[in-house]
Amino acid sequence: AGLVDFRDLSFTGTGQITSWDWRFGDGKLSSSQSPQHDYNDPGQRVVTLQVQDIDGCRDTIQKFVSYFPVPNLILISPNRVEDCPPSEIAFNNLSSPIDDSYVIRWDFGDGSTSDEVSPAHVFEEAGVYDVALSITSPIGCRTDTVFRQLIQIHPGPVADFTVSPEKPDPFNPVVSFTDRSIDAWRWNWNFDGVHTSIEQNPVYTLQDTGLHRVVLRVTNTFGCQDTTSRLIDVAPFISFHMPNAFTPNNDTVNDVFKGEGFLRGVQKFSLKIWSRWGELIFESNDPDTGWDGLIGNQQAPQGVYLYEVSLNQPRGLPEFYKGFVTLVR
């Protein structure tokens, strides 16, 4: 790149040329005998020279000038030189003069190359990378340079954690979270998209049964981040048992025969009671409604009765209970 020298070789029989009219093919002119001209852009130019001698005689000549220099200085500007993986870095090629007719060759130091004038490249792995650039003009002129240790991709942290207990339930909803991350400096926990914590090892109470998403985002000293998440299942829990006797004597103690336990979320509950002769004498679909010892409006006689309970657990799994109960008066 640089100024192009034009040398006048015109001559005349009178021995004296008095004027020169140069037209360089880019809209610019000169009246010097042997001018220098700076082209802003490379390309093929038609240069015209018209001369006039002391007698007013004129002559004109045209020549093609191929202006395809390589830059004196390769100049690039990445949008950043430090980052975390994966990092997409845009390289702005400020070298001049070049255009799309030049052969461009980038080597990003990680095994990847590009022939774009100003490419973007994704560095997937941590490391320090030399970036090389060569420029070859259409007429074979070539220049190149290597920018040593230009790009530094810092290693990122690895987010990880454990939970205790691993299988919480409605009676044990308090969960301890233990950070197992590698190279973490800051911690950001998110529980169900509602509650947060910046402690390294927080304790959190899961508010209800079902799936709870816990997200941990960690940051290292370079500002690189990693995120991991886990679904924690708070399984519904039921406990249920049937007594083997009851005393329906209206003393408020053990007057009703029904199941006992924790039945939150139970579905399709059914309690049926038969006499010893196989007669269905009581039926209920409400876990809180039991048999009060009456058959119709009459007190059932003391004795042994058969019962059967069916229910679906909160997640639909069926359970069956069958046995005998003694009515005592």
Protein backbone atom coordinates (compact mmCIF):
# COMPACT_ATOMS: atom_id res chain seq x y z
CA ALA A 1 0.00 0.00 0.00
CA GLY A 2 1.08 3.60 -0.47
CA LEU A 3 1.56 6.20 -3.15
CA VAL A 4 1.76 5.15 -6.79
CA ASP A 5 4.43 6.95 -8.84
CA PHE A 6 3.50 7.99 -12.39
CA ARG A 7 6.44 8.94 -14.63
CA ASP A 8 5.87 11.04 -17.72
CA LEU A 9 7.71 9.72 -20.81
CA SER A 10 6.05 12.01 -23.35
CA PHE A 11 8.09 13.88 -25.96
CA THR A 12 7.49 16.34 -28.82
CA GLY A 13 9.35 17.51 -31.90
CA THR A 14 9.42 21.09 -30.63
CA GLY A 15 11.25 19.86 -27.57
CA GLN A 16 8.96 21.44 -25.02
CA ILE A 17 5.73 20.10 -23.41
CA THR A 18 3.88 22.74 -21.50
CA SER A 19 0.94 20.94 -19.79
CA TRP A 20 -0.02 17.55 -18.42
CA ASP A 21 -3.57 16.41 -17.64
CA TRP A 22 -3.66 13.21 -15.58
CA ARG A 23 -6.91 11.34 -14.85
CA PHE A 24 -6.35 8.45 -12.46
CA GLY A 25 -9.63 6.54 -12.98
CA ASP A 26 -11.02 7.31 -9.52
CA GLY A 27 -12.33 10.79 -10.23
CA LYS A 28 -9.13 12.56 -9.20
CA LEU A 29 -6.87 14.71 -11.39
CA SER A 30 -3.34 16.10 -11.49
CA SER A 31 -1.48 18.61 -13.64
CA SER A 32 2.02 17.63 -12.44
CA GLN A 33 4.42 16.16 -14.94
CA SER A 34 5.18 12.99 -12.92
CA PRO A 35 2.72 12.88 -10.02
CA GLN A 36 2.22 10.54 -7.11
CA HIS A 37 -1.30 9.32 -6.40
CA ASP A 38 -2.86 7.56 -3.44
CA TYR A 39 -5.72 5.22 -4.30
CA ASN A 40 -8.18 4.68 -1.47
CA ASP A 41 -9.33 1.27 -2.71
CA PRO A 42 -7.69 -1.52 -4.66
CA GLY A 43 -8.86 -2.28 -8.18
CA GLN A 44 -8.23 -2.11 -11.91
CA ARG A 45 -7.99 1.51 -13.08
CA VAL A 46 -7.90 3.19 -16.51
CA VAL A 47 -5.37 6.06 -16.28
CA THR A 48 -5.47 8.80 -18.93
CA LEU A 49 -2.68 11.27 -19.72
CA GLN A 50 -3.15 14.17 -22.12
CA VAL A 51 -0.17 16.41 -22.92
CA GLN A 52 0.17 19.68 -24.86
CA ASP A 53 3.34 21.21 -26.29
CA ILE A 54 4.34 24.81 -26.79
CA ASP A 55 2.69 24.87 -30.23
CA GLY A 56 -0.68 23.77 -28.83
CA CYS A 57 -0.41 20.25 -30.18
CA ARG A 58 -2.02 17.60 -28.03
CA ASP A 59 -1.82 13.84 -27.59
CA THR A 60 -3.62 11.37 -25.29
CA ILE A 61 -2.76 7.91 -24.00
CA GLN A 62 -4.61 5.47 -21.75
CA LYS A 63 -3.20 2.57 -19.75
CA PHE A 64 -4.60 0.00 -17.33
CA VAL A 65 -3.16 0.17 -13.84
CA SER A 66 -3.69 -2.82 -11.52
CA TYR A 67 -3.62 -1.47 -7.98
CA PHE A 68 -3.68 -4.46 -5.63
CA PRO A 69 -1.11 -3.81 -2.91
CA VAL A 70 -1.03 -5.69 0.38
CA PRO A 71 -1.31 -3.63 3.55
CA ASN A 72 1.88 -2.28 5.03
CA LEU A 73 0.50 -3.19 8.44
CA ILE A 74 -1.97 -5.95 9.32
CA LEU A 75 -4.32 -4.49 11.88
CA ILE A 76 -7.17 -6.37 13.60
CA SER A 77 -9.55 -5.55 16.43
CA PRO A 78 -11.32 -8.40 18.29
CA ASN A 79 -14.40 -7.31 20.23
CA ARG A 80 -12.82 -8.87 23.35
CA VAL A 81 -9.60 -10.68 24.20
CA GLU A 82 -10.71 -12.40 27.42
CA ASP A 83 -13.82 -14.46 27.96
CA CYS A 84 -15.31 -17.72 29.23
CA PRO A 85 -16.04 -20.79 27.11
CA PRO A 86 -17.83 -21.09 24.83
CA SER A 87 -16.96 -17.62 23.54
CA GLU A 88 -17.89 -16.13 20.17
CA ILE A 89 -15.36 -13.43 19.32
CA ALA A 90 -15.75 -11.10 16.35
CA PHE A 91 -12.53 -10.13 14.58
CA ASN A 92 -12.66 -6.81 12.73
CA ASN A 93 -10.02 -6.68 10.00
CA LEU A 94 -8.84 -3.06 9.85
CA SER A 95 -6.02 -3.73 7.38
CA SER A 96 -6.11 -1.50 4.30
CA PRO A 97 -6.40 -1.62 1.39
CA ILE A 98 -8.22 -4.94 0.95
CA ASP A 99 -11.51 -6.06 -0.56
CA ASP A 100 -13.31 -9.29 -1.42
CA SER A 101 -10.87 -10.02 -4.25
CA TYR A 102 -8.05 -10.66 -1.77
CA VAL A 103 -7.35 -14.11 -0.37
CA ILE A 104 -7.75 -13.96 3.41
CA ARG A 105 -6.60 -16.73 5.71
CA TRP A 106 -7.24 -16.70 9.46
CA ASP A 107 -5.85 -19.30 11.85
CA PHE A 108 -7.41 -19.06 15.30
CA GLY A 109 -4.90 -21.30 17.06
CA ASP A 110 -7.44 -23.99 17.99
CA GLY A 111 -7.40 -25.88 14.71
CA SER A 112 -10.04 -23.68 13.08
CA THR A 113 -9.57 -21.32 10.12
CA SER A 114 -11.60 -18.82 8.11
CA ASP A 115 -11.38 -17.10 4.74
CA GLU A 116 -13.76 -14.25 5.63
CA VAL A 117 -12.46 -10.69 5.75
CA SER A 118 -13.80 -10.07 9.27
CA PRO A 119 -15.01 -13.37 10.75
CA ALA A 120 -16.52 -14.40 14.07
CA HIS A 121 -15.20 -17.50 15.77
CA VAL A 122 -16.36 -19.58 18.75
CA PHE A 123 -13.63 -20.75 21.13
CA GLU A 124 -15.03 -23.86 22.81
CA GLU A 125 -12.20 -24.69 25.20
CA ALA A 126 -10.21 -22.75 27.79
CA GLY A 127 -6.70 -21.73 26.74
CA VAL A 128 -4.45 -19.00 25.39
CA TYR A 129 -4.57 -18.71 21.60
CA ASP A 130 -2.26 -17.22 18.96
CA VAL A 131 -4.19 -15.76 16.03
CA ALA A 132 -2.54 -15.63 12.60
CA LEU A 133 -3.70 -13.68 9.54
CA SER A 134 -2.33 -13.75 6.00
CA ILE A 135 -3.46 -11.51 3.14
CA THR A 136 -2.72 -12.20 -0.54
CA SER A 137 -3.63 -9.74 -3.26
CA PRO A 138 -5.10 -10.78 -6.65
CA ILE A 139 -1.68 -10.26 -8.28
CA GLY A 140 0.08 -12.52 -5.76
CA CYS A 141 1.47 -10.04 -3.25
CA ARG A 142 1.33 -11.56 0.25
CA THR A 143 1.81 -10.44 3.83
CA ASP A 144 1.12 -12.16 7.13
CA THR A 145 1.55 -11.82 10.87
CA VAL A 146 0.88 -13.75 14.08
CA PHE A 147 -0.66 -12.09 17.12
CA ARG A 148 0.87 -14.03 19.97
CA GLN A 149 -1.34 -14.93 22.97
CA LEU A 150 -4.05 -12.63 21.66
CA ILE A 151 -7.07 -14.49 23.03
CA GLN A 152 -7.37 -15.86 26.56
CA ILE A 153 -10.32 -18.12 27.33
CA HIS A 154 -10.55 -18.70 31.06
CA PRO A 155 -11.65 -22.07 32.44
CA GLY A 156 -15.20 -22.09 33.74
CA PRO A 157 -16.47 -23.54 37.01
CA VAL A 158 -18.49 -26.74 37.22
CA ALA A 159 -21.76 -26.47 39.15
CA ASP A 160 -22.88 -29.43 41.25
CA PHE A 161 -24.68 -30.10 44.53
CA THR A 162 -26.17 -32.84 46.68
CA VAL A 163 -29.36 -32.86 48.76
CA SER A 164 -30.22 -34.39 52.11
CA PRO A 165 -32.54 -36.13 52.63
CA GLU A 166 -32.58 -37.44 49.08
CA LYS A 167 -36.27 -38.32 49.35
CA PRO A 168 -38.03 -35.66 51.42
CA ASP A 169 -41.68 -36.10 52.33
CA PRO A 170 -44.38 -33.95 53.96
CA PHE A 171 -43.08 -34.94 57.41
CA ASN A 172 -39.47 -34.20 56.46
CA PRO A 173 -39.68 -31.18 54.11
CA VAL A 174 -36.50 -29.43 55.27
CA VAL A 175 -33.70 -30.08 52.79
CA SER A 176 -30.00 -29.29 53.19
CA PHE A 177 -28.15 -28.42 49.98
CA THR A 178 -24.41 -29.09 49.89
CA ASP A 179 -22.32 -27.39 47.23
CA ARG A 180 -20.04 -29.75 45.31
CA SER A 181 -19.04 -27.29 42.60
CA ILE A 182 -15.51 -26.98 41.26
CA ASP A 183 -13.75 -23.57 41.24
CA ALA A 184 -16.85 -21.68 42.41
CA TRP A 185 -16.48 -18.27 44.03
CA ARG A 186 -20.11 -17.12 44.22
CA TRP A 187 -23.34 -19.09 44.47
CA ASN A 188 -26.86 -18.25 43.41
CA TRP A 189 -29.64 -20.70 44.27
CA ASN A 190 -33.18 -20.56 42.94
CA PHE A 191 -35.98 -22.63 44.41
CA ASP A 192 -39.05 -23.12 42.20
CA GLY A 193 -38.41 -19.74 40.54
CA VAL A 194 -39.65 -18.02 43.72
CA HIS A 195 -37.06 -18.08 46.50
CA THR A 196 -33.32 -17.47 46.21
CA SER A 197 -30.18 -17.80 48.31
CA ILE A 198 -26.53 -16.75 47.92
CA GLU A 199 -25.26 -19.06 50.66
CA GLN A 200 -22.86 -21.78 49.65
CA ASN A 201 -24.82 -24.47 51.51
CA PRO A 202 -28.38 -23.32 52.11
CA VAL A 203 -31.22 -25.03 53.93
CA TYR A 204 -34.68 -24.76 52.42
CA THR A 205 -38.14 -26.02 53.30
CA LEU A 206 -40.01 -27.46 50.34
CA GLN A 207 -43.51 -26.14 50.78
CA ASP A 208 -45.64 -28.86 49.21
CA THR A 209 -45.62 -32.30 47.69
CA GLY A 210 -44.68 -32.70 44.05
CA LEU A 211 -41.68 -31.82 41.90
CA HIS A 212 -39.54 -28.86 42.92
CA ARG A 213 -36.89 -27.44 40.58
CA VAL A 214 -33.71 -26.24 42.25
CA VAL A 215 -31.21 -24.30 40.12
CA LEU A 216 -27.64 -23.50 41.14
CA ARG A 217 -25.60 -20.95 39.19
CA VAL A 218 -21.97 -20.56 40.23
CA THR A 219 -19.40 -17.93 39.23
CA ASN A 220 -15.62 -18.20 39.45
CA THR A 221 -13.05 -15.43 40.00
CA PHE A 222 -12.85 -14.76 36.23
CA GLY A 223 -16.60 -14.13 36.04
CA CYS A 224 -17.25 -17.39 34.20
CA GLN A 225 -20.47 -19.17 35.12
CA ASP A 226 -22.00 -22.61 35.04
CA THR A 227 -25.51 -23.73 35.91
CA THR A 228 -27.02 -27.00 36.98
CA SER A 229 -30.53 -27.90 38.07
CA ARG A 230 -32.31 -30.78 39.71
CA LEU A 231 -35.88 -31.86 40.25
CA ILE A 232 -36.57 -32.89 43.82
CA ASP A 233 -39.65 -34.99 44.35
CA VAL A 234 -41.49 -34.52 47.62
CA ALA A 235 -43.50 -37.71 47.48
CA PRO A 236 -46.95 -37.69 49.07
CA PHE A 237 -47.15 -39.87 52.14
CA ILE A 238 -50.09 -41.68 53.68
CA SER A 239 -50.44 -43.85 56.75
CA PHE A 240 -53.57 -45.87 57.38
CA HIS A 241 -54.75 -48.59 59.71
CA MET A 242 -58.09 -50.01 60.85
CA PRO A 243 -58.84 -50.87 64.49
CA ASN A 244 -59.93 -54.42 65.32
CA ALA A 245 -62.75 -53.43 67.71
CA PHE A 246 -65.01 -50.54 68.70
CA THR A 247 -67.63 -49.80 71.37
CA PRO A 248 -70.58 -47.76 70.05
CA ASN A 249 -72.07 -46.95 73.48
CA ASN A 250 -72.18 -43.15 73.12
CA ASP A 251 -69.46 -42.51 75.70
CA THR A 252 -67.46 -40.53 73.08
CA VAL A 253 -64.67 -43.07 73.29
CA ASN A 254 -64.20 -45.43 70.36
CA ASP A 255 -67.83 -45.00 69.34
CA VAL A 256 -67.21 -45.08 65.57
CA PHE A 257 -65.37 -47.63 63.47
CA LYS A 258 -63.17 -45.93 60.90
CA GLY A 259 -59.61 -45.82 59.73
CA GLU A 260 -56.91 -43.73 61.36
CA GLY A 261 -53.79 -42.12 59.93
CA PHE A 262 -52.60 -39.43 57.50
CA LEU A 263 -54.74 -39.49 54.36
CA ARG A 264 -53.98 -36.18 52.70
CA GLY A 265 -54.54 -36.43 48.95
CA VAL A 266 -56.20 -39.86 49.04
CA GLN A 267 -58.60 -40.51 46.14
CA LYS A 268 -61.51 -42.91 45.53
CA PHE A 269 -61.90 -43.94 49.14
CA SER A 270 -64.40 -46.70 49.91
CA LEU A 271 -65.29 -48.42 53.19
CA LYS A 272 -67.72 -51.37 53.15
CA ILE A 273 -68.89 -53.51 56.07
CA TRP A 274 -70.69 -56.84 55.87
CA SER A 275 -72.41 -58.96 58.46
CA ARG A 276 -71.25 -62.51 58.99
CA TRP A 277 -74.07 -63.62 56.68
CA GLY A 278 -72.65 -61.54 53.81
CA GLU A 279 -75.14 -58.66 54.05
CA LEU A 280 -73.74 -55.23 53.15
CA ILE A 281 -74.73 -53.11 56.17
CA PHE A 282 -72.60 -49.98 55.78
CA GLU A 283 -70.82 -48.06 53.03
CA SER A 284 -68.90 -44.74 53.02
CA ASN A 285 -66.79 -42.84 50.49
CA ASP A 286 -65.51 -40.35 53.09
CA PRO A 287 -62.46 -41.34 55.19
CA ASP A 288 -63.83 -39.24 58.06
CA THR A 289 -67.23 -40.97 58.07
CA GLY A 290 -67.21 -44.30 59.85
CA TRP A 291 -69.74 -46.87 61.05
CA ASP A 292 -71.57 -45.92 64.24
CA GLY A 293 -72.81 -49.47 64.93
CA LEU A 294 -76.29 -48.98 63.48
CA ILE A 295 -78.03 -51.01 60.82
CA GLY A 296 -80.63 -48.62 59.59
CA ASN A 297 -82.06 -47.21 62.81
CA GLN A 298 -81.33 -50.34 64.86
CA GLN A 299 -78.27 -51.15 66.89
CA ALA A 300 -76.25 -53.90 65.36
CA PRO A 301 -75.74 -56.90 67.62
CA GLN A 302 -72.43 -57.49 69.29
CA GLY A 303 -70.20 -59.67 67.19
CA VAL A 304 -67.62 -59.87 64.41
CA TYR A 305 -68.07 -58.05 61.11
CA LEU A 306 -66.10 -58.09 57.87
CA TYR A 307 -64.75 -54.82 56.44
CA GLU A 308 -63.02 -53.86 53.20
CA VAL A 309 -61.30 -50.57 52.38
CA SER A 310 -60.06 -49.50 48.96
CA LEU A 311 -58.35 -46.24 48.13
CA ASN A 312 -55.98 -44.66 45.65
CA GLN A 313 -52.83 -43.02 46.92
CA PRO A 314 -52.32 -39.35 45.94
CA ARG A 315 -50.51 -40.45 42.76
CA GLY A 316 -53.12 -43.04 41.86
CA LEU A 317 -51.57 -46.23 43.20
CA PRO A 318 -54.39 -48.42 44.60
CA GLU A 319 -54.35 -49.93 48.08
CA PHE A 320 -56.70 -52.50 49.67
CA TYR A 321 -57.32 -53.38 53.28
CA LYS A 322 -59.49 -56.27 54.44
CA GLY A 323 -60.18 -57.68 57.89
CA PHE A 324 -62.52 -58.25 60.80
CA VAL A 325 -63.78 -55.86 63.47
CA THR A 326 -65.43 -56.80 66.72
CA LEU A 327 -68.40 -54.71 67.85
CA VAL A 328 -68.46 -54.68 71.67
CA ARG A 329 -71.41 -53.45 73.67
